[in-house]
Structure formats: C-alpha cells, structure tokens
PDB file of all heavy atoms in Angstrom:
ATOM      1  N   TYR A   1       0.832  -1.207   0.000  1.00  0.00           N
ATOM      2  CA  TYR A   1       0.000   0.000   0.000  1.00  0.00           C
ATOM      3  C   TYR A   1       0.864   1.252   0.000  1.00  0.00           C
ATOM      4  O   TYR A   1       0.568   2.231  -0.690  1.00  0.00           O
ATOM      5  CB  TYR A   1      -0.967   0.001   1.191  1.00  0.00           C
ATOM      6  CG  TYR A   1      -2.178  -0.861   0.926  1.00  0.00           C
ATOM      7  CD1 TYR A   1      -2.163  -2.216   1.225  1.00  0.00           C
ATOM      8  CD2 TYR A   1      -3.322  -0.330   0.347  1.00  0.00           C
ATOM      9  CE1 TYR A   1      -3.263  -3.014   0.966  1.00  0.00           C
ATOM     10  CE2 TYR A   1      -4.427  -1.123   0.076  1.00  0.00           C
ATOM     11  CZ  TYR A   1      -4.394  -2.462   0.389  1.00  0.00           C
ATOM     12  OH  TYR A   1      -5.483  -3.262   0.108  1.00  0.00           O
ATOM     13  N   ARG A   2       1.962   1.232   0.757  1.00  0.00           N
ATOM     14  CA  ARG A   2       2.848   2.408   0.798  1.00  0.00           C
ATOM     15  C   ARG A   2       3.448   2.683  -0.578  1.00  0.00           C
ATOM     16  O   ARG A   2       3.547   3.837  -1.008  1.00  0.00           O
ATOM     17  CB  ARG A   2       3.930   2.220   1.839  1.00  0.00           C
ATOM     18  CG  ARG A   2       3.372   2.233   3.254  1.00  0.00           C
ATOM     19  CD  ARG A   2       4.448   1.978   4.309  1.00  0.00           C
ATOM     20  NE  ARG A   2       3.879   1.891   5.619  1.00  0.00           N
ATOM     21  CZ  ARG A   2       3.539   2.924   6.377  1.00  0.00           C
ATOM     22  NH1 ARG A   2       3.716   4.152   5.922  1.00  0.00           N
ATOM     23  NH2 ARG A   2       3.019   2.741   7.571  1.00  0.00           N
ATOM     24  N   VAL A   3       3.829   1.636  -1.290  1.00  0.00           N
ATOM     25  CA  VAL A   3       4.344   1.802  -2.653  1.00  0.00           C
ATOM     26  C   VAL A   3       3.232   2.323  -3.567  1.00  0.00           C
ATOM     27  O   VAL A   3       3.449   3.251  -4.360  1.00  0.00           O
ATOM     28  CB  VAL A   3       4.936   0.478  -3.190  1.00  0.00           C
ATOM     29  CG1 VAL A   3       5.257   0.587  -4.669  1.00  0.00           C
ATOM     30  CG2 VAL A   3       6.170   0.075  -2.387  1.00  0.00           C
ATOM     31  N   ALA A   4       2.039   1.765  -3.444  1.00  0.00           N
ATOM     32  CA  ALA A   4       0.916   2.204  -4.282  1.00  0.00           C
ATOM     33  C   ALA A   4       0.605   3.680  -4.035  1.00  0.00           C
ATOM     34  O   ALA A   4       0.347   4.429  -4.989  1.00  0.00           O
ATOM     35  CB  ALA A   4      -0.317   1.350  -4.016  1.00  0.00           C
ATOM     36  N   TRP A   5       0.612   4.105  -2.764  1.00  0.00           N
ATOM     37  CA  TRP A   5       0.345   5.515  -2.470  1.00  0.00           C
ATOM     38  C   TRP A   5       1.385   6.412  -3.127  1.00  0.00           C
ATOM     39  O   TRP A   5       1.043   7.452  -3.693  1.00  0.00           O
ATOM     40  CB  TRP A   5       0.303   5.753  -0.961  1.00  0.00           C
ATOM     41  CG  TRP A   5      -0.825   5.046  -0.261  1.00  0.00           C
ATOM     42  CD1 TRP A   5      -2.087   4.790  -0.767  1.00  0.00           C
ATOM     43  CD2 TRP A   5      -0.808   4.484   1.044  1.00  0.00           C
ATOM     44  NE1 TRP A   5      -2.833   4.098   0.154  1.00  0.00           N
ATOM     45  CE2 TRP A   5      -2.083   3.900   1.285  1.00  0.00           C
ATOM     46  CE3 TRP A   5       0.152   4.405   2.049  1.00  0.00           C
ATOM     47  CZ2 TRP A   5      -2.411   3.266   2.472  1.00  0.00           C
ATOM     48  CZ3 TRP A   5      -0.178   3.774   3.238  1.00  0.00           C
ATOM     49  CH2 TRP A   5      -1.443   3.215   3.445  1.00  0.00           C
ATOM     50  N   ALA A   6       2.650   6.025  -3.055  1.00  0.00           N
ATOM     51  CA  ALA A   6       3.718   6.834  -3.660  1.00  0.00           C
ATOM     52  C   ALA A   6       3.570   6.884  -5.181  1.00  0.00           C
ATOM     53  O   ALA A   6       3.724   7.955  -5.792  1.00  0.00           O
ATOM     54  CB  ALA A   6       5.087   6.276  -3.269  1.00  0.00           C
ATOM     55  N   LEU A   7       3.287   5.744  -5.796  1.00  0.00           N
ATOM     56  CA  LEU A   7       3.119   5.719  -7.250  1.00  0.00           C
ATOM     57  C   LEU A   7       1.880   6.495  -7.684  1.00  0.00           C
ATOM     58  O   LEU A   7       1.906   7.209  -8.697  1.00  0.00           O
ATOM     59  CB  LEU A   7       3.036   4.276  -7.755  1.00  0.00           C
ATOM     60  CG  LEU A   7       4.318   3.450  -7.639  1.00  0.00           C
ATOM     61  CD1 LEU A   7       4.039   1.986  -7.975  1.00  0.00           C
ATOM     62  CD2 LEU A   7       5.400   4.022  -8.542  1.00  0.00           C
ATOM     63  N   ALA A   8       0.802   6.355  -6.929  1.00  0.00           N
ATOM     64  CA  ALA A   8      -0.418   7.100  -7.259  1.00  0.00           C
ATOM     65  C   ALA A   8      -0.141   8.599  -7.175  1.00  0.00           C
ATOM     66  O   ALA A   8      -0.519   9.356  -8.081  1.00  0.00           O
ATOM     67  CB  ALA A   8      -1.555   6.699  -6.318  1.00  0.00           C
ATOM     68  N   ARG A   9       0.515   9.033  -6.112  1.00  0.00           N
ATOM     69  CA  ARG A   9       0.794  10.456  -5.939  1.00  0.00           C
ATOM     70  C   ARG A   9       1.667  10.976  -7.077  1.00  0.00           C
ATOM     71  O   ARG A   9       1.406  12.054  -7.636  1.00  0.00           O
ATOM     72  CB  ARG A   9       1.476  10.718  -4.587  1.00  0.00           C
ATOM     73  CG  ARG A   9       1.827  12.172  -4.345  1.00  0.00           C
ATOM     74  CD  ARG A   9       0.553  13.048  -4.411  1.00  0.00           C
ATOM     75  NE  ARG A   9       0.842  14.448  -4.454  1.00  0.00           N
ATOM     76  CZ  ARG A   9       0.714  15.282  -3.433  1.00  0.00           C
ATOM     77  NH1 ARG A   9       0.324  14.822  -2.268  1.00  0.00           N
ATOM     78  NH2 ARG A   9       0.976  16.551  -3.580  1.00  0.00           N
ATOM     79  N   ALA A  10       2.700  10.241  -7.445  1.00  0.00           N
ATOM     80  CA  ALA A  10       3.584  10.674  -8.525  1.00  0.00           C
ATOM     81  C   ALA A  10       2.806  10.835  -9.830  1.00  0.00           C
ATOM     82  O   ALA A  10       3.025  11.798 -10.579  1.00  0.00           O
ATOM     83  CB  ALA A  10       4.736   9.685  -8.702  1.00  0.00           C
ATOM     84  N   ASN A  11       1.894   9.919 -10.102  1.00  0.00           N
ATOM     85  CA  ASN A  11       1.106   9.995 -11.338  1.00  0.00           C
ATOM     86  C   ASN A  11       0.050  11.086 -11.276  1.00  0.00           C
ATOM     87  O   ASN A  11      -0.202  11.763 -12.273  1.00  0.00           O
ATOM     88  CB  ASN A  11       0.495   8.635 -11.660  1.00  0.00           C
ATOM     89  CG  ASN A  11       1.496   7.722 -12.317  1.00  0.00           C
ATOM     90  OD1 ASN A  11       1.719   7.808 -13.521  1.00  0.00           O
ATOM     91  ND2 ASN A  11       2.149   6.885 -11.530  1.00  0.00           N
ATOM     92  N   LEU A  12      -0.570  11.272 -10.113  1.00  0.00           N
ATOM     93  CA  LEU A  12      -1.530  12.375  -9.964  1.00  0.00           C
ATOM     94  C   LEU A  12      -0.827  13.720 -10.145  1.00  0.00           C
ATOM     95  O   LEU A  12      -1.381  14.632 -10.762  1.00  0.00           O
ATOM     96  CB  LEU A  12      -2.221  12.304  -8.604  1.00  0.00           C
ATOM     97  CG  LEU A  12      -3.174  11.127  -8.411  1.00  0.00           C
ATOM     98  CD1 LEU A  12      -3.611  11.028  -6.955  1.00  0.00           C
ATOM     99  CD2 LEU A  12      -4.375  11.222  -9.346  1.00  0.00           C
ATOM    100  N   ASP A  13       0.389  13.831  -9.623  1.00  0.00           N
ATOM    101  CA  ASP A  13       1.152  15.070  -9.775  1.00  0.00           C
ATOM    102  C   ASP A  13       1.476  15.359 -11.239  1.00  0.00           C
ATOM    103  O   ASP A  13       1.695  16.521 -11.609  1.00  0.00           O
ATOM    104  CB  ASP A  13       2.445  15.021  -8.954  1.00  0.00           C
ATOM    105  CG  ASP A  13       2.195  15.168  -7.458  1.00  0.00           C
ATOM    106  OD1 ASP A  13       1.068  15.549  -7.059  1.00  0.00           O
ATOM    107  OD2 ASP A  13       3.132  14.886  -6.682  1.00  0.00           O
ATOM    108  N   LEU A  14       1.510  14.327 -12.061  1.00  0.00           N
ATOM    109  CA  LEU A  14       1.730  14.500 -13.501  1.00  0.00           C
ATOM    110  C   LEU A  14       0.430  14.814 -14.248  1.00  0.00           C
ATOM    111  O   LEU A  14       0.436  14.968 -15.466  1.00  0.00           O
ATOM    112  CB  LEU A  14       2.357  13.237 -14.095  1.00  0.00           C
ATOM    113  CG  LEU A  14       3.786  12.932 -13.678  1.00  0.00           C
ATOM    114  CD1 LEU A  14       4.197  11.549 -14.189  1.00  0.00           C
ATOM    115  CD2 LEU A  14       4.739  14.007 -14.195  1.00  0.00           C
ATOM    116  N   GLY A  15      -0.671  14.870 -13.511  1.00  0.00           N
ATOM    117  CA  GLY A  15      -1.962  15.158 -14.135  1.00  0.00           C
ATOM    118  C   GLY A  15      -2.656  13.939 -14.698  1.00  0.00           C
ATOM    119  O   GLY A  15      -3.606  14.069 -15.472  1.00  0.00           O
ATOM    120  N   ARG A  16      -2.202  12.757 -14.315  1.00  0.00           N
ATOM    121  CA  ARG A  16      -2.787  11.519 -14.834  1.00  0.00           C
ATOM    122  C   ARG A  16      -3.948  11.059 -13.973  1.00  0.00           C
ATOM    123  O   ARG A  16      -3.981  11.302 -12.774  1.00  0.00           O
ATOM    124  CB  ARG A  16      -1.735  10.418 -14.880  1.00  0.00           C
ATOM    125  CG  ARG A  16      -0.530  10.814 -15.688  1.00  0.00           C
ATOM    126  CD  ARG A  16       0.060   9.819 -16.617  1.00  0.00           C
ATOM    127  NE  ARG A  16      -0.548   8.536 -16.742  1.00  0.00           N
ATOM    128  CZ  ARG A  16      -1.128   8.109 -17.866  1.00  0.00           C
ATOM    129  NH1 ARG A  16      -1.209   8.895 -18.912  1.00  0.00           N
ATOM    130  NH2 ARG A  16      -1.620   6.902 -17.947  1.00  0.00           N
ATOM    131  N   ARG A  17      -4.882  10.376 -14.592  1.00  0.00           N
ATOM    132  CA  ARG A  17      -5.896   9.641 -13.845  1.00  0.00           C
ATOM    133  C   ARG A  17      -5.229   8.370 -13.347  1.00  0.00           C
ATOM    134  O   ARG A  17      -4.392   7.788 -14.035  1.00  0.00           O
ATOM    135  CB  ARG A  17      -7.067   9.268 -14.738  1.00  0.00           C
ATOM    136  CG  ARG A  17      -7.879  10.443 -15.203  1.00  0.00           C
ATOM    137  CD  ARG A  17      -9.052   9.963 -16.046  1.00  0.00           C
ATOM    138  NE  ARG A  17      -9.814  11.086 -16.510  1.00  0.00           N
ATOM    139  CZ  ARG A  17     -10.105  11.324 -17.790  1.00  0.00           C
ATOM    140  NH1 ARG A  17      -9.712  10.486 -18.725  1.00  0.00           N
ATOM    141  NH2 ARG A  17     -10.801  12.378 -18.131  1.00  0.00           N
ATOM    142  N   VAL A  18      -5.643   7.918 -12.168  1.00  0.00           N
ATOM    143  CA  VAL A  18      -5.059   6.711 -11.584  1.00  0.00           C
ATOM    144  C   VAL A  18      -6.185   5.792 -11.129  1.00  0.00           C
ATOM    145  O   VAL A  18      -7.119   6.222 -10.450  1.00  0.00           O
ATOM    146  CB  VAL A  18      -4.139   7.052 -10.388  1.00  0.00           C
ATOM    147  CG1 VAL A  18      -3.605   5.785  -9.733  1.00  0.00           C
ATOM    148  CG2 VAL A  18      -2.993   7.955 -10.840  1.00  0.00           C
ATOM    149  N   VAL A  19      -6.076   4.524 -11.509  1.00  0.00           N
ATOM    150  CA  VAL A  19      -6.993   3.479 -11.062  1.00  0.00           C
ATOM    151  C   VAL A  19      -6.189   2.523 -10.197  1.00  0.00           C
ATOM    152  O   VAL A  19      -5.176   1.978 -10.644  1.00  0.00           O
ATOM    153  CB  VAL A  19      -7.617   2.718 -12.260  1.00  0.00           C
ATOM    154  CG1 VAL A  19      -8.427   1.519 -11.783  1.00  0.00           C
ATOM    155  CG2 VAL A  19      -8.476   3.661 -13.102  1.00  0.00           C
ATOM    156  N   VAL A  20      -6.633   2.329  -8.953  1.00  0.00           N
ATOM    157  CA  VAL A  20      -5.959   1.440  -8.008  1.00  0.00           C
ATOM    158  C   VAL A  20      -6.845   0.232  -7.764  1.00  0.00           C
ATOM    159  O   VAL A  20      -8.014   0.366  -7.413  1.00  0.00           O
ATOM    160  CB  VAL A  20      -5.654   2.150  -6.675  1.00  0.00           C
ATOM    161  CG1 VAL A  20      -4.912   1.205  -5.733  1.00  0.00           C
ATOM    162  CG2 VAL A  20      -4.857   3.423  -6.904  1.00  0.00           C
ATOM    163  N   ASP A  21      -6.270  -0.947  -7.944  1.00  0.00           N
ATOM    164  CA  ASP A  21      -6.966  -2.229  -7.808  1.00  0.00           C
ATOM    165  C   ASP A  21      -6.419  -2.914  -6.558  1.00  0.00           C
ATOM    166  O   ASP A  21      -5.278  -3.393  -6.562  1.00  0.00           O
ATOM    167  CB  ASP A  21      -6.682  -3.041  -9.083  1.00  0.00           C
ATOM    168  CG  ASP A  21      -7.161  -4.464  -9.068  1.00  0.00           C
ATOM    169  OD1 ASP A  21      -7.756  -4.912  -8.070  1.00  0.00           O
ATOM    170  OD2 ASP A  21      -6.923  -5.148 -10.085  1.00  0.00           O
ATOM    171  N   CYS A  22      -7.213  -2.910  -5.479  1.00  0.00           N
ATOM    172  CA  CYS A  22      -6.735  -3.472  -4.219  1.00  0.00           C
ATOM    173  C   CYS A  22      -7.904  -3.917  -3.353  1.00  0.00           C
ATOM    174  O   CYS A  22      -9.041  -3.533  -3.605  1.00  0.00           O
ATOM    175  CB  CYS A  22      -5.895  -2.451  -3.462  1.00  0.00           C
ATOM    176  SG  CYS A  22      -6.744  -0.901  -3.086  1.00  0.00           S
ATOM    177  N   VAL A  23      -7.619  -4.727  -2.344  1.00  0.00           N
ATOM    178  CA  VAL A  23      -8.665  -5.155  -1.404  1.00  0.00           C
ATOM    179  C   VAL A  23      -9.110  -3.961  -0.569  1.00  0.00           C
ATOM    180  O   VAL A  23     -10.292  -3.770  -0.340  1.00  0.00           O
ATOM    181  CB  VAL A  23      -8.170  -6.326  -0.524  1.00  0.00           C
ATOM    182  CG1 VAL A  23      -9.208  -6.667   0.548  1.00  0.00           C
ATOM    183  CG2 VAL A  23      -7.885  -7.553  -1.397  1.00  0.00           C
ATOM    184  N   ASN A  24      -8.156  -3.150  -0.102  1.00  0.00           N
ATOM    185  CA  ASN A  24      -8.457  -1.938   0.655  1.00  0.00           C
ATOM    186  C   ASN A  24      -9.461  -2.239   1.775  1.00  0.00           C
ATOM    187  O   ASN A  24     -10.534  -1.649   1.844  1.00  0.00           O
ATOM    188  CB  ASN A  24      -9.003  -0.867  -0.295  1.00  0.00           C
ATOM    189  CG  ASN A  24      -8.765   0.537   0.190  1.00  0.00           C
ATOM    190  OD1 ASN A  24      -8.009   0.774   1.117  1.00  0.00           O
ATOM    191  ND2 ASN A  24      -9.421   1.478  -0.447  1.00  0.00           N
ATOM    192  N   PRO A  25      -9.086  -3.145   2.693  1.00  0.00           N
ATOM    193  CA  PRO A  25     -10.069  -3.714   3.608  1.00  0.00           C
ATOM    194  C   PRO A  25     -10.411  -2.898   4.850  1.00  0.00           C
ATOM    195  O   PRO A  25     -11.414  -3.183   5.498  1.00  0.00           O
ATOM    196  CB  PRO A  25      -9.410  -5.021   4.034  1.00  0.00           C
ATOM    197  CG  PRO A  25      -7.952  -4.704   4.012  1.00  0.00           C
ATOM    198  CD  PRO A  25      -7.782  -3.771   2.835  1.00  0.00           C
ATOM    199  N   VAL A  26      -9.589  -1.906   5.189  1.00  0.00           N
ATOM    200  CA  VAL A  26      -9.803  -1.214   6.461  1.00  0.00           C
ATOM    201  C   VAL A  26      -9.883   0.295   6.269  1.00  0.00           C
ATOM    202  O   VAL A  26      -9.375   0.846   5.289  1.00  0.00           O
ATOM    203  CB  VAL A  26      -8.692  -1.560   7.486  1.00  0.00           C
ATOM    204  CG1 VAL A  26      -8.726  -3.041   7.853  1.00  0.00           C
ATOM    205  CG2 VAL A  26      -7.322  -1.167   6.965  1.00  0.00           C
ATOM    206  N   SER A  27     -10.488   0.951   7.241  1.00  0.00           N
ATOM    207  CA  SER A  27     -10.694   2.398   7.132  1.00  0.00           C
ATOM    208  C   SER A  27      -9.384   3.162   7.023  1.00  0.00           C
ATOM    209  O   SER A  27      -9.320   4.191   6.340  1.00  0.00           O
ATOM    210  CB  SER A  27     -11.524   2.906   8.305  1.00  0.00           C
ATOM    211  OG  SER A  27     -10.878   2.646   9.526  1.00  0.00           O
ATOM    212  N   GLU A  28      -8.312   2.679   7.658  1.00  0.00           N
ATOM    213  CA  GLU A  28      -7.030   3.393   7.595  1.00  0.00           C
ATOM    214  C   GLU A  28      -6.496   3.476   6.169  1.00  0.00           C
ATOM    215  O   GLU A  28      -6.027   4.532   5.741  1.00  0.00           O
ATOM    216  CB  GLU A  28      -5.984   2.720   8.497  1.00  0.00           C
ATOM    217  CG  GLU A  28      -6.263   2.864   9.971  1.00  0.00           C
ATOM    218  CD  GLU A  28      -7.225   1.803  10.520  1.00  0.00           C
ATOM    219  OE1 GLU A  28      -7.607   0.885   9.774  1.00  0.00           O
ATOM    220  OE2 GLU A  28      -7.594   1.926  11.697  1.00  0.00           O
ATOM    221  N   SER A  29      -6.561   2.379   5.434  1.00  0.00           N
ATOM    222  CA  SER A  29      -6.061   2.416   4.057  1.00  0.00           C
ATOM    223  C   SER A  29      -6.985   3.238   3.168  1.00  0.00           C
ATOM    224  O   SER A  29      -6.530   3.971   2.284  1.00  0.00           O
ATOM    225  CB  SER A  29      -5.870   1.007   3.492  1.00  0.00           C
ATOM    226  OG  SER A  29      -7.087   0.298   3.440  1.00  0.00           O
ATOM    227  N   ARG A  30      -8.274   3.154   3.421  1.00  0.00           N
ATOM    228  CA  ARG A  30      -9.234   3.930   2.635  1.00  0.00           C
ATOM    229  C   ARG A  30      -9.016   5.424   2.857  1.00  0.00           C
ATOM    230  O   ARG A  30      -9.005   6.213   1.905  1.00  0.00           O
ATOM    231  CB  ARG A  30     -10.656   3.520   3.013  1.00  0.00           C
ATOM    232  CG  ARG A  30     -10.964   2.083   2.672  1.00  0.00           C
ATOM    233  CD  ARG A  30     -12.248   1.605   3.310  1.00  0.00           C
ATOM    234  NE  ARG A  30     -12.437   0.184   3.064  1.00  0.00           N
ATOM    235  CZ  ARG A  30     -13.353  -0.555   3.663  1.00  0.00           C
ATOM    236  NH1 ARG A  30     -14.172  -0.004   4.550  1.00  0.00           N
ATOM    237  NH2 ARG A  30     -13.465  -1.839   3.390  1.00  0.00           N
ATOM    238  N   GLU A  31      -8.836   5.809   4.116  1.00  0.00           N
ATOM    239  CA  GLU A  31      -8.610   7.220   4.434  1.00  0.00           C
ATOM    240  C   GLU A  31      -7.287   7.701   3.834  1.00  0.00           C
ATOM    241  O   GLU A  31      -7.180   8.850   3.400  1.00  0.00           O
ATOM    242  CB  GLU A  31      -8.634   7.457   5.938  1.00  0.00           C
ATOM    243  CG  GLU A  31      -8.343   8.893   6.341  1.00  0.00           C
ATOM    244  CD  GLU A  31      -9.164   9.950   5.613  1.00  0.00           C
ATOM    245  OE1 GLU A  31     -10.368   9.716   5.339  1.00  0.00           O
ATOM    246  OE2 GLU A  31      -8.608  11.022   5.294  1.00  0.00           O
ATOM    247  N   ALA A  32      -6.286   6.835   3.794  1.00  0.00           N
ATOM    248  CA  ALA A  32      -5.003   7.236   3.206  1.00  0.00           C
ATOM    249  C   ALA A  32      -5.164   7.594   1.728  1.00  0.00           C
ATOM    250  O   ALA A  32      -4.549   8.564   1.252  1.00  0.00           O
ATOM    251  CB  ALA A  32      -3.965   6.134   3.386  1.00  0.00           C
ATOM    252  N   PHE A  33      -5.982   6.849   0.998  1.00  0.00           N
ATOM    253  CA  PHE A  33      -6.229   7.186  -0.402  1.00  0.00           C
ATOM    254  C   PHE A  33      -6.972   8.523  -0.506  1.00  0.00           C
ATOM    255  O   PHE A  33      -6.655   9.358  -1.359  1.00  0.00           O
ATOM    256  CB  PHE A  33      -7.014   6.079  -1.117  1.00  0.00           C
ATOM    257  CG  PHE A  33      -6.167   4.918  -1.535  1.00  0.00           C
ATOM    258  CD1 PHE A  33      -6.350   3.667  -0.970  1.00  0.00           C
ATOM    259  CD2 PHE A  33      -5.174   5.060  -2.495  1.00  0.00           C
ATOM    260  CE1 PHE A  33      -5.563   2.586  -1.347  1.00  0.00           C
ATOM    261  CE2 PHE A  33      -4.384   3.983  -2.887  1.00  0.00           C
ATOM    262  CZ  PHE A  33      -4.587   2.743  -2.309  1.00  0.00           C
ATOM    263  N   HIS A  34      -7.927   8.751   0.379  1.00  0.00           N
ATOM    264  CA  HIS A  34      -8.662  10.018   0.361  1.00  0.00           C
ATOM    265  C   HIS A  34      -7.742  11.192   0.707  1.00  0.00           C
ATOM    266  O   HIS A  34      -7.824  12.254   0.081  1.00  0.00           O
ATOM    267  CB  HIS A  34      -9.866   9.962   1.317  1.00  0.00           C
ATOM    268  CG  HIS A  34     -10.993   9.183   0.751  1.00  0.00           C
ATOM    269  ND1 HIS A  34     -12.106   9.784   0.202  1.00  0.00           N
ATOM    270  CD2 HIS A  34     -11.182   7.849   0.623  1.00  0.00           C
ATOM    271  CE1 HIS A  34     -12.933   8.848  -0.249  1.00  0.00           C
ATOM    272  NE2 HIS A  34     -12.392   7.669  -0.001  1.00  0.00           N
ATOM    273  N   ARG A  35      -6.870  10.998   1.672  1.00  0.00           N
ATOM    274  CA  ARG A  35      -5.915  12.035   2.039  1.00  0.00           C
ATOM    275  C   ARG A  35      -4.992  12.351   0.858  1.00  0.00           C
ATOM    276  O   ARG A  35      -4.716  13.509   0.550  1.00  0.00           O
ATOM    277  CB  ARG A  35      -5.106  11.587   3.261  1.00  0.00           C
ATOM    278  CG  ARG A  35      -4.186  12.643   3.824  1.00  0.00           C
ATOM    279  CD  ARG A  35      -3.546  12.240   5.157  1.00  0.00           C
ATOM    280  NE  ARG A  35      -3.016  10.883   5.195  1.00  0.00           N
ATOM    281  CZ  ARG A  35      -3.598   9.858   5.846  1.00  0.00           C
ATOM    282  NH1 ARG A  35      -4.728  10.018   6.498  1.00  0.00           N
ATOM    283  NH2 ARG A  35      -3.038   8.662   5.819  1.00  0.00           N
ATOM    284  N   LEU A  36      -4.532  11.300   0.186  1.00  0.00           N
ATOM    285  CA  LEU A  36      -3.685  11.463  -0.990  1.00  0.00           C
ATOM    286  C   LEU A  36      -4.391  12.298  -2.057  1.00  0.00           C
ATOM    287  O   LEU A  36      -3.802  13.224  -2.630  1.00  0.00           O
ATOM    288  CB  LEU A  36      -3.319  10.080  -1.542  1.00  0.00           C
ATOM    289  CG  LEU A  36      -2.603  10.012  -2.869  1.00  0.00           C
ATOM    290  CD1 LEU A  36      -1.185  10.524  -2.718  1.00  0.00           C
ATOM    291  CD2 LEU A  36      -2.594   8.581  -3.368  1.00  0.00           C
TER     292      LEU A  36
END
C-alpha cells in the first residue's frame, strides 16, 4: 500500500488519472487514499 500511495501520488502530480486495484479492507487504508 505504501508503494501504491507513492506511485499514485507521482502519477496524480503529472496530471494523470489513476486506477488502483486493491482489497483496501480497512478504514485506515481507505482514508489514506482520500488524504492522498
């Protein structure tokens, strides 16, 4: 998840749309994506 967050952020900073495919089972990981 930490690698995915870093890669997502780098791509969002480039103006790209990002699709993340994950179980994302708990509120902490879900909130981390929202914070990102």
